[in-house]
């Protein structure tokens, strides 16, 4: 697993709107300054200048900021973005529409950057394992709507808001590829900002199956995500009690034990430790949280 373990509430912020960045930092565990889809092509140079000014004035929180750059096949904009990363001292970079390990490796070459490939095309999903395995990758994200559009489709969700099967496949493939290679796994954005119940259900499911974060597109979504990843008081008490009952794990217990009438083994202890980690990650109140 990556040594970088931020909290679960991530938020996209248009790079050409620097006035939103400080507010985003107040609410989110990680802010993704977006140079790609959130910025119109005529405004991309100004967006890069805005990020550069943030860095020059000390306003860029490098530990909690990722910059999303344009796709490698958008050669001119991608090159300008990469030049900005060096000038601004940005270490963590999300590569939009990542499709092949070579483009990821180029960003990570020489330890220059920690890379977060965004898999949102058929080629990217198909090659998820090789991309996740590339040296320098710290997290992998997937995207539903760009993926479906790239396949000639018209919607990633059914009328009830649930993902269609192809989107579910892409989500699962991304998660397994990330975890197979010790990377963080980031769940896709929830486009319906008003659908708080749907976001809650999606984020709770993401947390249950092993995603490390769910990325938001609106500040109001971050608190919903963080609450969904936070363990309930009952679940936290269970984890604390289990680990207190077996402070040395199962050493000398034959590989299995019992707690509260149920068998426990190595995977159950791992789940308990995850509960404690998530409780710690979501315990500090952020802006917008009651």
C-alpha atoms as a PDB file:
ATOM      1  CA  UNK A   1       0.000   0.000   0.000  1.00  0.00           C
ATOM      2  CA  UNK A   2       1.132   3.536  -0.721  1.00  0.00           C
ATOM      3  CA  UNK A   3       2.831   5.336   2.158  1.00  0.00           C
ATOM      4  CA  UNK A   4       0.590   8.312   1.337  1.00  0.00           C
ATOM      5  CA  UNK A   5      -2.756   7.681   3.054  1.00  0.00           C
ATOM      6  CA  UNK A   6      -4.930  10.818   2.957  1.00  0.00           C
ATOM      7  CA  UNK A   7      -8.554  10.917   4.019  1.00  0.00           C
ATOM      8  CA  UNK A   8     -11.437   9.828   1.783  1.00  0.00           C
ATOM      9  CA  UNK A   9     -12.974  13.152   0.744  1.00  0.00           C
ATOM     10  CA  UNK A  10     -11.329  14.406  -2.460  1.00  0.00           C
ATOM     11  CA  UNK A  11     -12.564  17.370  -4.504  1.00  0.00           C
ATOM     12  CA  UNK A  12     -11.968  18.607  -8.026  1.00  0.00           C
ATOM     13  CA  UNK A  13     -11.334  22.355  -8.317  1.00  0.00           C
ATOM     14  CA  UNK A  14     -10.996  24.193 -11.656  1.00  0.00           C
ATOM     15  CA  UNK A  15      -7.439  25.454 -11.929  1.00  0.00           C
ATOM     16  CA  UNK A  16      -8.632  28.690 -13.526  1.00  0.00           C
ATOM     17  CA  UNK A  17     -10.641  29.510 -10.387  1.00  0.00           C
ATOM     18  CA  UNK A  18      -7.900  29.936  -7.765  1.00  0.00           C
ATOM     19  CA  UNK A  19     -10.282  31.770  -5.425  1.00  0.00           C
ATOM     20  CA  UNK A  20     -12.055  28.440  -4.905  1.00  0.00           C
ATOM     21  CA  UNK A  21      -8.882  26.589  -3.978  1.00  0.00           C
ATOM     22  CA  UNK A  22      -8.585  27.788  -0.362  1.00  0.00           C
ATOM     23  CA  UNK A  23     -12.240  26.954   0.266  1.00  0.00           C
ATOM     24  CA  UNK A  24     -11.707  23.546  -1.300  1.00  0.00           C
ATOM     25  CA  UNK A  25      -8.759  22.869   1.005  1.00  0.00           C
ATOM     26  CA  UNK A  26     -10.924  23.764   3.985  1.00  0.00           C
ATOM     27  CA  UNK A  27     -13.479  21.100   3.061  1.00  0.00           C
ATOM     28  CA  UNK A  28     -11.522  18.318   1.401  1.00  0.00           C
ATOM     29  CA  UNK A  29      -8.799  15.900   2.394  1.00  0.00           C
ATOM     30  CA  UNK A  30      -7.223  16.302  -1.045  1.00  0.00           C
ATOM     31  CA  UNK A  31      -7.893  18.896  -3.755  1.00  0.00           C
ATOM     32  CA  UNK A  32      -7.397  18.046  -7.418  1.00  0.00           C
ATOM     33  CA  UNK A  33      -6.596  21.221  -9.330  1.00  0.00           C
ATOM     34  CA  UNK A  34      -7.984  20.463 -12.763  1.00  0.00           C
ATOM     35  CA  UNK A  35      -6.275  21.622 -15.937  1.00  0.00           C
ATOM     36  CA  UNK A  36      -8.320  19.285 -18.128  1.00  0.00           C
ATOM     37  CA  UNK A  37     -12.119  19.021 -18.457  1.00  0.00           C
ATOM     38  CA  UNK A  38     -12.963  21.791 -15.979  1.00  0.00           C
ATOM     39  CA  UNK A  39     -11.034  24.364 -18.015  1.00  0.00           C
ATOM     40  CA  UNK A  40     -12.057  25.488 -21.505  1.00  0.00           C
ATOM     41  CA  UNK A  41      -9.248  25.296 -24.037  1.00  0.00           C
ATOM     42  CA  UNK A  42      -8.940  29.097 -24.444  1.00  0.00           C
ATOM     43  CA  UNK A  43      -8.485  29.402 -20.658  1.00  0.00           C
ATOM     44  CA  UNK A  44      -5.865  26.693 -20.172  1.00  0.00           C
ATOM     45  CA  UNK A  45      -2.856  29.017 -20.319  1.00  0.00           C
ATOM     46  CA  UNK A  46      -4.470  31.306 -17.752  1.00  0.00           C
ATOM     47  CA  UNK A  47      -5.216  28.287 -15.556  1.00  0.00           C
ATOM     48  CA  UNK A  48      -1.557  27.282 -15.598  1.00  0.00           C
ATOM     49  CA  UNK A  49      -0.587  30.829 -14.706  1.00  0.00           C
ATOM     50  CA  UNK A  50      -3.004  30.743 -11.768  1.00  0.00           C
ATOM     51  CA  UNK A  51      -1.421  27.558 -10.411  1.00  0.00           C
ATOM     52  CA  UNK A  52       2.037  29.042 -10.893  1.00  0.00           C
ATOM     53  CA  UNK A  53       1.058  32.151  -8.923  1.00  0.00           C
ATOM     54  CA  UNK A  54      -0.342  30.020  -6.108  1.00  0.00           C
ATOM     55  CA  UNK A  55       2.992  28.236  -5.900  1.00  0.00           C
ATOM     56  CA  UNK A  56       5.027  31.443  -6.040  1.00  0.00           C
ATOM     57  CA  UNK A  57       3.032  33.016  -3.203  1.00  0.00           C
ATOM     58  CA  UNK A  58       3.228  29.933  -1.002  1.00  0.00           C
ATOM     59  CA  UNK A  59      -0.484  29.285  -1.357  1.00  0.00           C
ATOM     60  CA  UNK A  60      -0.177  25.782  -2.790  1.00  0.00           C
ATOM     61  CA  UNK A  61      -0.493  22.979  -0.229  1.00  0.00           C
ATOM     62  CA  UNK A  62       1.687  20.415  -1.979  1.00  0.00           C
ATOM     63  CA  UNK A  63       0.912  17.630   0.490  1.00  0.00           C
ATOM     64  CA  UNK A  64      -2.842  17.836  -0.093  1.00  0.00           C
ATOM     65  CA  UNK A  65      -2.924  18.880  -3.735  1.00  0.00           C
ATOM     66  CA  UNK A  66      -2.921  16.859  -6.937  1.00  0.00           C
ATOM     67  CA  UNK A  67      -2.867  18.511 -10.368  1.00  0.00           C
ATOM     68  CA  UNK A  68      -4.801  16.832 -13.174  1.00  0.00           C
ATOM     69  CA  UNK A  69      -3.019  17.325 -16.476  1.00  0.00           C
ATOM     70  CA  UNK A  70      -4.346  16.942 -19.975  1.00  0.00           C
ATOM     71  CA  UNK A  71      -4.094  13.559 -21.671  1.00  0.00           C
ATOM     72  CA  UNK A  72      -0.790  12.550 -23.221  1.00  0.00           C
ATOM     73  CA  UNK A  73      -2.328  12.447 -26.701  1.00  0.00           C
ATOM     74  CA  UNK A  74      -3.223  16.133 -26.342  1.00  0.00           C
ATOM     75  CA  UNK A  75       0.466  16.703 -26.900  1.00  0.00           C
ATOM     76  CA  UNK A  76       0.708  20.500 -26.825  1.00  0.00           C
ATOM     77  CA  UNK A  77      -1.408  21.072 -23.716  1.00  0.00           C
ATOM     78  CA  UNK A  78       0.147  18.069 -21.980  1.00  0.00           C
ATOM     79  CA  UNK A  79       3.651  19.433 -22.571  1.00  0.00           C
ATOM     80  CA  UNK A  80       2.694  22.834 -21.172  1.00  0.00           C
ATOM     81  CA  UNK A  81       1.116  21.150 -18.145  1.00  0.00           C
ATOM     82  CA  UNK A  82       4.218  19.072 -17.443  1.00  0.00           C
ATOM     83  CA  UNK A  83       6.400  22.181 -17.644  1.00  0.00           C
ATOM     84  CA  UNK A  84       4.135  23.828 -15.073  1.00  0.00           C
ATOM     85  CA  UNK A  85       4.516  20.898 -12.668  1.00  0.00           C
ATOM     86  CA  UNK A  86       8.251  21.448 -12.498  1.00  0.00           C
ATOM     87  CA  UNK A  87       7.940  25.219 -12.159  1.00  0.00           C
ATOM     88  CA  UNK A  88       5.363  24.950  -9.362  1.00  0.00           C
ATOM     89  CA  UNK A  89       7.065  22.106  -7.523  1.00  0.00           C
ATOM     90  CA  UNK A  90       4.003  19.882  -7.832  1.00  0.00           C
ATOM     91  CA  UNK A  91       4.785  16.295  -6.920  1.00  0.00           C
ATOM     92  CA  UNK A  92       1.482  14.464  -7.379  1.00  0.00           C
ATOM     93  CA  UNK A  93      -0.117  14.494 -10.808  1.00  0.00           C
ATOM     94  CA  UNK A  94      -3.271  12.889 -12.166  1.00  0.00           C
ATOM     95  CA  UNK A  95      -3.014  11.849 -15.802  1.00  0.00           C
ATOM     96  CA  UNK A  96      -6.333  12.229 -17.589  1.00  0.00           C
ATOM     97  CA  UNK A  97      -7.377   9.442 -19.962  1.00  0.00           C
ATOM     98  CA  UNK A  98      -4.372   7.284 -19.085  1.00  0.00           C
ATOM     99  CA  UNK A  99      -4.173   4.523 -21.666  1.00  0.00           C
ATOM    100  CA  UNK A 100      -0.724   3.004 -21.600  1.00  0.00           C
ATOM    101  CA  UNK A 101       2.079   2.451 -19.086  1.00  0.00           C
ATOM    102  CA  UNK A 102       4.604   4.398 -21.165  1.00  0.00           C
ATOM    103  CA  UNK A 103       2.791   7.715 -20.702  1.00  0.00           C
ATOM    104  CA  UNK A 104       2.544   7.102 -16.966  1.00  0.00           C
ATOM    105  CA  UNK A 105       6.205   6.114 -16.763  1.00  0.00           C
ATOM    106  CA  UNK A 106       7.209   9.297 -18.584  1.00  0.00           C
ATOM    107  CA  UNK A 107       5.600  11.412 -15.860  1.00  0.00           C
ATOM    108  CA  UNK A 108       7.185   9.356 -13.095  1.00  0.00           C
ATOM    109  CA  UNK A 109      10.642   9.139 -14.681  1.00  0.00           C
ATOM    110  CA  UNK A 110      13.485   9.752 -12.275  1.00  0.00           C
ATOM    111  CA  UNK A 111      11.091  10.054  -9.361  1.00  0.00           C
ATOM    112  CA  UNK A 112       9.907  13.416 -10.663  1.00  0.00           C
ATOM    113  CA  UNK A 113       6.266  12.795  -9.819  1.00  0.00           C
ATOM    114  CA  UNK A 114       3.909  10.443  -8.064  1.00  0.00           C
ATOM    115  CA  UNK A 115       1.276   9.599 -10.655  1.00  0.00           C
ATOM    116  CA  UNK A 116      -2.452   8.967 -10.343  1.00  0.00           C
ATOM    117  CA  UNK A 117      -3.667   7.496 -13.650  1.00  0.00           C
ATOM    118  CA  UNK A 118      -7.316   8.193 -14.441  1.00  0.00           C
ATOM    119  CA  UNK A 119      -8.777   5.272 -16.393  1.00  0.00           C
ATOM    120  CA  UNK A 120     -11.697   6.557 -18.440  1.00  0.00           C
ATOM    121  CA  UNK A 121     -11.296   5.015 -21.897  1.00  0.00           C
ATOM    122  CA  UNK A 122     -11.636   1.440 -23.165  1.00  0.00           C
ATOM    123  CA  UNK A 123      -7.875   1.145 -23.587  1.00  0.00           C
ATOM    124  CA  UNK A 124      -7.238   2.427 -20.099  1.00  0.00           C
ATOM    125  CA  UNK A 125      -9.628  -0.051 -18.492  1.00  0.00           C
ATOM    126  CA  UNK A 126      -8.320  -2.902 -20.636  1.00  0.00           C
ATOM    127  CA  UNK A 127      -4.734  -2.196 -19.540  1.00  0.00           C
ATOM    128  CA  UNK A 128      -5.574  -1.329 -15.916  1.00  0.00           C
ATOM    129  CA  UNK A 129      -3.216  -3.907 -14.431  1.00  0.00           C
ATOM    130  CA  UNK A 130      -0.156  -2.817 -16.391  1.00  0.00           C
ATOM    131  CA  UNK A 131      -0.866   0.837 -15.724  1.00  0.00           C
ATOM    132  CA  UNK A 132      -1.315   0.254 -11.992  1.00  0.00           C
ATOM    133  CA  UNK A 133       1.916  -1.751 -11.900  1.00  0.00           C
ATOM    134  CA  UNK A 134       3.990   1.089 -13.370  1.00  0.00           C
ATOM    135  CA  UNK A 135       6.677   2.445 -11.057  1.00  0.00           C
ATOM    136  CA  UNK A 136       5.700   5.793  -9.571  1.00  0.00           C
ATOM    137  CA  UNK A 137       1.958   5.163  -9.476  1.00  0.00           C
ATOM    138  CA  UNK A 138       0.430   5.895  -6.057  1.00  0.00           C
ATOM    139  CA  UNK A 139      -3.294   5.760  -6.835  1.00  0.00           C
ATOM    140  CA  UNK A 140      -5.654   4.762  -9.628  1.00  0.00           C
ATOM    141  CA  UNK A 141      -9.027   6.332 -10.425  1.00  0.00           C
ATOM    142  CA  UNK A 142     -11.700   5.443 -12.954  1.00  0.00           C
ATOM    143  CA  UNK A 143     -14.276   7.573 -14.747  1.00  0.00           C
ATOM    144  CA  UNK A 144     -17.699   6.395 -15.902  1.00  0.00           C
ATOM    145  CA  UNK A 145     -19.063   9.009 -18.268  1.00  0.00           C
ATOM    146  CA  UNK A 146     -15.933   9.591 -20.330  1.00  0.00           C
ATOM    147  CA  UNK A 147     -15.624   5.820 -20.665  1.00  0.00           C
ATOM    148  CA  UNK A 148     -19.161   5.360 -21.945  1.00  0.00           C
ATOM    149  CA  UNK A 149     -18.819   8.330 -24.296  1.00  0.00           C
ATOM    150  CA  UNK A 150     -15.587   6.878 -25.693  1.00  0.00           C
ATOM    151  CA  UNK A 151     -17.459   3.660 -26.482  1.00  0.00           C
ATOM    152  CA  UNK A 152     -20.219   5.500 -28.313  1.00  0.00           C
ATOM    153  CA  UNK A 153     -22.724   5.131 -25.488  1.00  0.00           C
ATOM    154  CA  UNK A 154     -25.092   7.683 -24.040  1.00  0.00           C
ATOM    155  CA  UNK A 155     -25.232   6.964 -20.317  1.00  0.00           C
ATOM    156  CA  UNK A 156     -23.338   5.122 -17.595  1.00  0.00           C
ATOM    157  CA  UNK A 157     -26.371   4.763 -15.294  1.00  0.00           C
ATOM    158  CA  UNK A 158     -29.832   3.249 -15.452  1.00  0.00           C
ATOM    159  CA  UNK A 159     -32.978   5.249 -14.760  1.00  0.00           C
ATOM    160  CA  UNK A 160     -32.813   4.319 -11.064  1.00  0.00           C
ATOM    161  CA  UNK A 161     -29.312   5.818 -10.800  1.00  0.00           C
ATOM    162  CA  UNK A 162     -27.443   2.519 -10.563  1.00  0.00           C
ATOM    163  CA  UNK A 163     -24.470   1.859 -12.808  1.00  0.00           C
ATOM    164  CA  UNK A 164     -24.930  -0.157 -15.961  1.00  0.00           C
ATOM    165  CA  UNK A 165     -22.929  -3.374 -16.104  1.00  0.00           C
ATOM    166  CA  UNK A 166     -20.091  -1.983 -18.211  1.00  0.00           C
ATOM    167  CA  UNK A 167     -19.470   0.782 -15.670  1.00  0.00           C
ATOM    168  CA  UNK A 168     -19.578  -1.732 -12.811  1.00  0.00           C
ATOM    169  CA  UNK A 169     -17.009  -3.837 -14.643  1.00  0.00           C
ATOM    170  CA  UNK A 170     -14.706  -0.835 -15.095  1.00  0.00           C
ATOM    171  CA  UNK A 171     -15.077   0.088 -11.422  1.00  0.00           C
ATOM    172  CA  UNK A 172     -14.262  -3.415 -10.234  1.00  0.00           C
ATOM    173  CA  UNK A 173     -11.359  -3.799 -12.644  1.00  0.00           C
ATOM    174  CA  UNK A 174      -9.848  -0.511 -11.471  1.00  0.00           C
ATOM    175  CA  UNK A 175     -10.205  -1.426  -7.805  1.00  0.00           C
ATOM    176  CA  UNK A 176      -8.651  -4.860  -8.215  1.00  0.00           C
ATOM    177  CA  UNK A 177      -5.799  -3.544 -10.380  1.00  0.00           C
ATOM    178  CA  UNK A 178      -4.993  -0.840  -7.837  1.00  0.00           C
ATOM    179  CA  UNK A 179      -5.041  -3.209  -4.880  1.00  0.00           C
ATOM    180  CA  UNK A 180      -3.083  -5.914  -6.701  1.00  0.00           C
ATOM    181  CA  UNK A 181      -0.185  -3.490  -6.940  1.00  0.00           C
ATOM    182  CA  UNK A 182      -0.497  -1.738  -3.571  1.00  0.00           C
ATOM    183  CA  UNK A 183      -1.997   1.506  -4.886  1.00  0.00           C
ATOM    184  CA  UNK A 184      -4.788   3.662  -3.515  1.00  0.00           C
ATOM    185  CA  UNK A 185      -8.103   3.218  -5.327  1.00  0.00           C
ATOM    186  CA  UNK A 186     -10.276   6.270  -6.033  1.00  0.00           C
ATOM    187  CA  UNK A 187     -13.947   5.903  -6.901  1.00  0.00           C
ATOM    188  CA  UNK A 188     -15.541   7.933  -9.684  1.00  0.00           C
ATOM    189  CA  UNK A 189     -17.454  11.166  -9.265  1.00  0.00           C
ATOM    190  CA  UNK A 190     -21.219  11.300  -8.676  1.00  0.00           C
ATOM    191  CA  UNK A 191     -22.516  13.724 -11.282  1.00  0.00           C
ATOM    192  CA  UNK A 192     -25.972  14.318  -9.764  1.00  0.00           C
ATOM    193  CA  UNK A 193     -25.058  16.882  -7.109  1.00  0.00           C
ATOM    194  CA  UNK A 194     -28.556  16.950  -5.612  1.00  0.00           C
ATOM    195  CA  UNK A 195     -28.668  13.156  -5.210  1.00  0.00           C
ATOM    196  CA  UNK A 196     -27.260  12.981  -1.694  1.00  0.00           C
ATOM    197  CA  UNK A 197     -28.823   9.584  -1.007  1.00  0.00           C
ATOM    198  CA  UNK A 198     -27.273   8.107  -4.131  1.00  0.00           C
ATOM    199  CA  UNK A 199     -23.869   9.515  -3.263  1.00  0.00           C
ATOM    200  CA  UNK A 200     -24.122   8.177   0.282  1.00  0.00           C
ATOM    201  CA  UNK A 201     -24.984   4.692  -0.969  1.00  0.00           C
ATOM    202  CA  UNK A 202     -22.176   4.748  -3.531  1.00  0.00           C
ATOM    203  CA  UNK A 203     -19.579   5.982  -1.045  1.00  0.00           C
ATOM    204  CA  UNK A 204     -20.652   3.470   1.605  1.00  0.00           C
ATOM    205  CA  UNK A 205     -20.291   0.701  -0.961  1.00  0.00           C
ATOM    206  CA  UNK A 206     -16.914   2.061  -2.053  1.00  0.00           C
ATOM    207  CA  UNK A 207     -15.659   2.032   1.522  1.00  0.00           C
ATOM    208  CA  UNK A 208     -16.993  -1.487   2.121  1.00  0.00           C
ATOM    209  CA  UNK A 209     -15.215  -3.024  -0.880  1.00  0.00           C
ATOM    210  CA  UNK A 210     -11.876  -1.278  -0.388  1.00  0.00           C
ATOM    211  CA  UNK A 211     -11.789   2.057  -2.196  1.00  0.00           C
ATOM    212  CA  UNK A 212      -9.701   4.590  -0.303  1.00  0.00           C
ATOM    213  CA  UNK A 213     -11.563   7.707  -1.436  1.00  0.00           C
ATOM    214  CA  UNK A 214     -14.476   8.960  -3.489  1.00  0.00           C
ATOM    215  CA  UNK A 215     -13.832  12.051  -5.579  1.00  0.00           C
ATOM    216  CA  UNK A 216     -16.361  14.902  -5.478  1.00  0.00           C
ATOM    217  CA  UNK A 217     -17.191  17.543  -8.058  1.00  0.00           C
ATOM    218  CA  UNK A 218     -18.955  19.953  -5.685  1.00  0.00           C
ATOM    219  CA  UNK A 219     -17.950  21.116  -2.196  1.00  0.00           C
ATOM    220  CA  UNK A 220     -21.280  19.997  -0.745  1.00  0.00           C
ATOM    221  CA  UNK A 221     -20.473  16.394  -1.646  1.00  0.00           C
ATOM    222  CA  UNK A 222     -17.305  16.149   0.435  1.00  0.00           C
ATOM    223  CA  UNK A 223     -18.982  15.985   3.836  1.00  0.00           C
ATOM    224  CA  UNK A 224     -21.334  13.303   2.504  1.00  0.00           C
ATOM    225  CA  UNK A 225     -18.385  11.220   1.336  1.00  0.00           C
ATOM    226  CA  UNK A 226     -16.445  11.605   4.567  1.00  0.00           C
ATOM    227  CA  UNK A 227     -19.495  10.620   6.622  1.00  0.00           C
ATOM    228  CA  UNK A 228     -20.002   7.542   4.458  1.00  0.00           C
ATOM    229  CA  UNK A 229     -16.412   6.393   4.972  1.00  0.00           C
ATOM    230  CA  UNK A 230     -16.444   7.093   8.711  1.00  0.00           C
ATOM    231  CA  UNK A 231     -17.173   3.944  10.734  1.00  0.00           C
ATOM    232  CA  UNK A 232     -20.264   3.948  12.916  1.00  0.00           C
ATOM    233  CA  UNK A 233     -19.724   4.198  16.686  1.00  0.00           C
ATOM    234  CA  UNK A 234     -20.717   0.538  16.976  1.00  0.00           C
ATOM    235  CA  UNK A 235     -18.259  -0.558  14.304  1.00  0.00           C
ATOM    236  CA  UNK A 236     -15.478   1.499  15.864  1.00  0.00           C
ATOM    237  CA  UNK A 237     -16.185   0.039  19.307  1.00  0.00           C
ATOM    238  CA  UNK A 238     -16.045  -3.459  17.811  1.00  0.00           C
ATOM    239  CA  UNK A 239     -12.668  -2.801  16.169  1.00  0.00           C
ATOM    240  CA  UNK A 240     -11.191  -1.252  19.291  1.00  0.00           C
ATOM    241  CA  UNK A 241     -12.486  -4.088  21.432  1.00  0.00           C
ATOM    242  CA  UNK A 242     -11.150  -6.790  19.137  1.00  0.00           C
ATOM    243  CA  UNK A 243      -7.677  -5.304  18.949  1.00  0.00           C
ATOM    244  CA  UNK A 244      -7.653  -4.731  22.707  1.00  0.00           C
ATOM    245  CA  UNK A 245      -8.639  -8.352  23.296  1.00  0.00           C
ATOM    246  CA  UNK A 246      -5.829  -9.557  21.059  1.00  0.00           C
ATOM    247  CA  UNK A 247      -3.059  -6.938  21.456  1.00  0.00           C
ATOM    248  CA  UNK A 248      -0.553  -9.280  19.803  1.00  0.00           C
ATOM    249  CA  UNK A 249      -2.939 -10.470  17.132  1.00  0.00           C
ATOM    250  CA  UNK A 250      -3.380 -14.212  16.866  1.00  0.00           C
ATOM    251  CA  UNK A 251       0.175 -15.189  17.733  1.00  0.00           C
ATOM    252  CA  UNK A 252      -0.011 -18.382  19.747  1.00  0.00           C
ATOM    253  CA  UNK A 253      -3.752 -18.748  19.118  1.00  0.00           C
ATOM    254  CA  UNK A 254      -3.453 -21.239  16.295  1.00  0.00           C
ATOM    255  CA  UNK A 255      -4.416 -18.744  13.592  1.00  0.00           C
ATOM    256  CA  UNK A 256      -8.012 -18.254  14.745  1.00  0.00           C
ATOM    257  CA  UNK A 257      -9.784 -16.926  17.822  1.00  0.00           C
ATOM    258  CA  UNK A 258     -13.209 -15.823  18.965  1.00  0.00           C
ATOM    259  CA  UNK A 259     -14.626 -12.420  19.830  1.00  0.00           C
ATOM    260  CA  UNK A 260     -18.201 -11.624  20.818  1.00  0.00           C
ATOM    261  CA  UNK A 261     -19.182 -15.172  19.890  1.00  0.00           C
ATOM    262  CA  UNK A 262     -17.752 -15.069  16.369  1.00  0.00           C
ATOM    263  CA  UNK A 263     -14.647 -16.598  14.882  1.00  0.00           C
ATOM    264  CA  UNK A 264     -11.897 -14.109  14.035  1.00  0.00           C
ATOM    265  CA  UNK A 265      -8.827 -14.646  11.902  1.00  0.00           C
ATOM    266  CA  UNK A 266      -6.236 -12.608  10.020  1.00  0.00           C
ATOM    267  CA  UNK A 267      -8.628 -10.945   7.547  1.00  0.00           C
ATOM    268  CA  UNK A 268     -10.938  -9.872  10.379  1.00  0.00           C
ATOM    269  CA  UNK A 269      -8.012  -8.232  12.176  1.00  0.00           C
ATOM    270  CA  UNK A 270      -7.111  -6.444   8.929  1.00  0.00           C
ATOM    271  CA  UNK A 271     -10.671  -5.138   8.689  1.00  0.00           C
ATOM    272  CA  UNK A 272     -10.494  -3.892  12.277  1.00  0.00           C
ATOM    273  CA  UNK A 273      -7.288  -2.002  11.548  1.00  0.00           C
ATOM    274  CA  UNK A 274      -8.915  -0.439   8.485  1.00  0.00           C
ATOM    275  CA  UNK A 275     -11.817   0.716  10.665  1.00  0.00           C
ATOM    276  CA  UNK A 276      -9.391   2.437  13.050  1.00  0.00           C
ATOM    277  CA  UNK A 277      -7.495   4.058  10.185  1.00  0.00           C
ATOM    278  CA  UNK A 278     -10.692   5.409   8.653  1.00  0.00           C
ATOM    279  CA  UNK A 279     -11.900   6.672  12.010  1.00  0.00           C
ATOM    280  CA  UNK A 280      -8.665   8.604  12.424  1.00  0.00           C
ATOM    281  CA  UNK A 281      -8.830   9.956   8.858  1.00  0.00           C
ATOM    282  CA  UNK A 282     -12.368  11.284   9.292  1.00  0.00           C
ATOM    283  CA  UNK A 283     -12.182  12.441  12.905  1.00  0.00           C
ATOM    284  CA  UNK A 284     -10.956  15.980  12.228  1.00  0.00           C
ATOM    285  CA  UNK A 285     -13.881  18.206  11.320  1.00  0.00           C
ATOM    286  CA  UNK A 286     -13.726  19.952   7.956  1.00  0.00           C
ATOM    287  CA  UNK A 287     -15.517  22.993   6.636  1.00  0.00           C
ATOM    288  CA  UNK A 288     -19.130  22.253   5.778  1.00  0.00           C
ATOM    289  CA  UNK A 289     -19.444  19.489   8.370  1.00  0.00           C
ATOM    290  CA  UNK A 290     -21.891  19.906  11.236  1.00  0.00           C
END
